[in-house]
């Protein structure tokens, strides 16, 4: 089943800056590679054929003891099987490249969007 192509900016922010939400594999890969991050799994999670908990391993951070690099194919297979979305930020408050990211359930994003739309509709009644 192909990944749902979805990307949008959100007013949900970290440090009052726009975050983005996407399920698009190319957008995710671009964002990670611009930061020299590699797709990874948390060591000791998963099992045969299951990479376990997904993460990005950024150079210069302490992931070497707890993370194991995996292929993009493995990463995106698990990403889609688990129905995940990536919340990420492009820049920090001072304009530097941000590594902020969070893998979340697509259902969580849809629920928040639904509540936001419902609140907006109620406010205009």
Protein backbone atom coordinates (compact mmCIF):
# COMPACT_ATOMS: atom_id res chain seq x y z
CA UNK A 1 0.00 0.00 0.00
CA UNK A 2 1.62 3.31 -1.04
CA UNK A 3 2.30 5.98 1.56
CA UNK A 4 -0.29 8.66 1.98
CA UNK A 5 1.21 11.84 0.55
CA UNK A 6 0.56 14.56 3.03
CA UNK A 7 2.40 17.63 4.15
CA UNK A 8 1.37 20.85 5.76
CA UNK A 9 2.56 23.56 8.10
CA UNK A 10 0.92 23.73 11.46
CA UNK A 11 0.45 26.52 13.93
CA UNK A 12 1.50 24.05 16.62
CA UNK A 13 4.97 25.28 17.49
CA UNK A 14 8.11 24.63 19.45
CA UNK A 15 9.76 27.85 20.60
CA UNK A 16 6.97 29.70 18.74
CA UNK A 17 8.19 28.51 15.34
CA UNK A 18 6.21 26.66 12.73
CA UNK A 19 6.40 22.90 12.73
CA UNK A 20 5.55 20.78 9.74
CA UNK A 21 3.83 17.41 9.52
CA UNK A 22 4.46 14.97 6.70
CA UNK A 23 4.11 11.37 5.63
CA UNK A 24 5.94 11.98 2.34
CA UNK A 25 9.00 9.73 2.11
CA UNK A 26 10.98 12.12 -0.10
CA UNK A 27 10.33 15.09 2.17
CA UNK A 28 11.39 13.07 5.23
CA UNK A 29 14.54 11.81 3.55
CA UNK A 30 15.43 15.34 2.33
CA UNK A 31 14.98 16.79 5.82
CA UNK A 32 17.15 14.07 7.43
CA UNK A 33 19.88 14.13 4.79
CA UNK A 34 20.18 17.93 5.01
CA UNK A 35 21.14 17.30 8.66
CA UNK A 36 23.35 14.29 7.84
CA UNK A 37 20.97 12.13 9.91
CA UNK A 38 20.67 8.41 9.16
CA UNK A 39 17.57 6.25 9.57
CA UNK A 40 18.00 4.13 12.69
CA UNK A 41 16.31 1.81 15.11
CA UNK A 42 16.63 1.62 18.88
CA UNK A 43 18.87 -1.36 19.70
CA UNK A 44 17.07 -4.18 21.49
CA UNK A 45 13.65 -3.37 20.03
CA UNK A 46 11.80 -5.26 17.33
CA UNK A 47 12.56 -8.79 16.21
CA UNK A 48 13.01 -10.86 13.06
CA UNK A 49 11.80 -8.72 10.16
CA UNK A 50 10.82 -5.87 12.52
CA UNK A 51 13.33 -3.04 13.03
CA UNK A 52 11.58 -1.91 16.24
CA UNK A 53 11.44 1.72 17.35
CA UNK A 54 12.44 4.16 14.63
CA UNK A 55 14.69 7.16 15.17
CA UNK A 56 17.09 9.44 13.29
CA UNK A 57 20.76 9.23 14.22
CA UNK A 58 22.34 12.68 14.01
CA UNK A 59 26.14 12.97 13.82
CA UNK A 60 27.73 14.25 17.00
CA UNK A 61 24.96 13.06 19.30
CA UNK A 62 25.07 10.11 21.68
CA UNK A 63 23.03 7.70 19.54
CA UNK A 64 25.95 5.35 18.87
CA UNK A 65 25.32 3.32 22.03
CA UNK A 66 21.56 3.05 21.66
CA UNK A 67 20.88 3.33 17.92
CA UNK A 68 21.65 1.08 14.97
CA UNK A 69 21.56 2.37 11.39
CA UNK A 70 19.00 0.75 9.08
CA UNK A 71 18.23 1.24 5.39
CA UNK A 72 15.73 3.81 4.18
CA UNK A 73 13.68 0.91 2.79
CA UNK A 74 13.46 -0.71 6.25
CA UNK A 75 12.72 2.66 7.85
CA UNK A 76 9.87 3.53 5.49
CA UNK A 77 8.39 0.03 5.55
CA UNK A 78 8.05 0.25 9.35
CA UNK A 79 6.99 3.93 9.10
CA UNK A 80 4.05 2.98 6.86
CA UNK A 81 3.18 -0.25 8.71
CA UNK A 82 2.93 1.70 11.96
CA UNK A 83 0.93 4.47 10.26
CA UNK A 84 3.39 7.15 11.39
CA UNK A 85 3.85 10.80 10.50
CA UNK A 86 6.86 13.04 11.09
CA UNK A 87 6.55 16.33 12.92
CA UNK A 88 9.64 18.42 12.25
CA UNK A 89 11.05 21.92 12.33
CA UNK A 90 13.28 23.46 9.68
CA UNK A 91 14.93 26.22 11.75
CA UNK A 92 15.52 27.26 15.35
CA UNK A 93 14.56 30.65 16.75
CA UNK A 94 17.93 32.07 15.73
CA UNK A 95 17.62 30.77 12.17
CA UNK A 96 19.92 27.75 12.48
CA UNK A 97 19.01 24.34 11.07
CA UNK A 98 16.78 22.53 13.59
CA UNK A 99 16.96 18.82 14.37
CA UNK A 100 13.61 18.88 16.19
CA UNK A 101 11.54 15.91 15.10
CA UNK A 102 8.97 13.51 16.47
CA UNK A 103 7.46 10.38 14.97
CA UNK A 104 3.77 10.18 15.86
CA UNK A 105 0.70 8.22 14.89
CA UNK A 106 -1.15 9.65 11.89
CA UNK A 107 -4.34 9.11 13.88
CA UNK A 108 -3.05 11.52 16.55
CA UNK A 109 -2.48 14.20 13.91
CA UNK A 110 -5.92 13.63 12.37
CA UNK A 111 -7.59 13.82 15.80
CA UNK A 112 -5.85 17.13 16.57
CA UNK A 113 -6.80 18.51 13.17
CA UNK A 114 -10.40 17.42 13.69
CA UNK A 115 -10.57 19.08 17.11
CA UNK A 116 -8.96 22.23 15.74
CA UNK A 117 -11.49 22.40 12.90
CA UNK A 118 -14.40 21.73 15.27
CA UNK A 119 -13.21 24.46 17.66
CA UNK A 120 -12.81 26.86 14.76
CA UNK A 121 -16.35 26.08 13.53
CA UNK A 122 -17.78 26.52 17.06
CA UNK A 123 -15.99 29.84 17.38
CA UNK A 124 -17.60 31.14 14.19
CA UNK A 125 -21.15 30.17 15.19
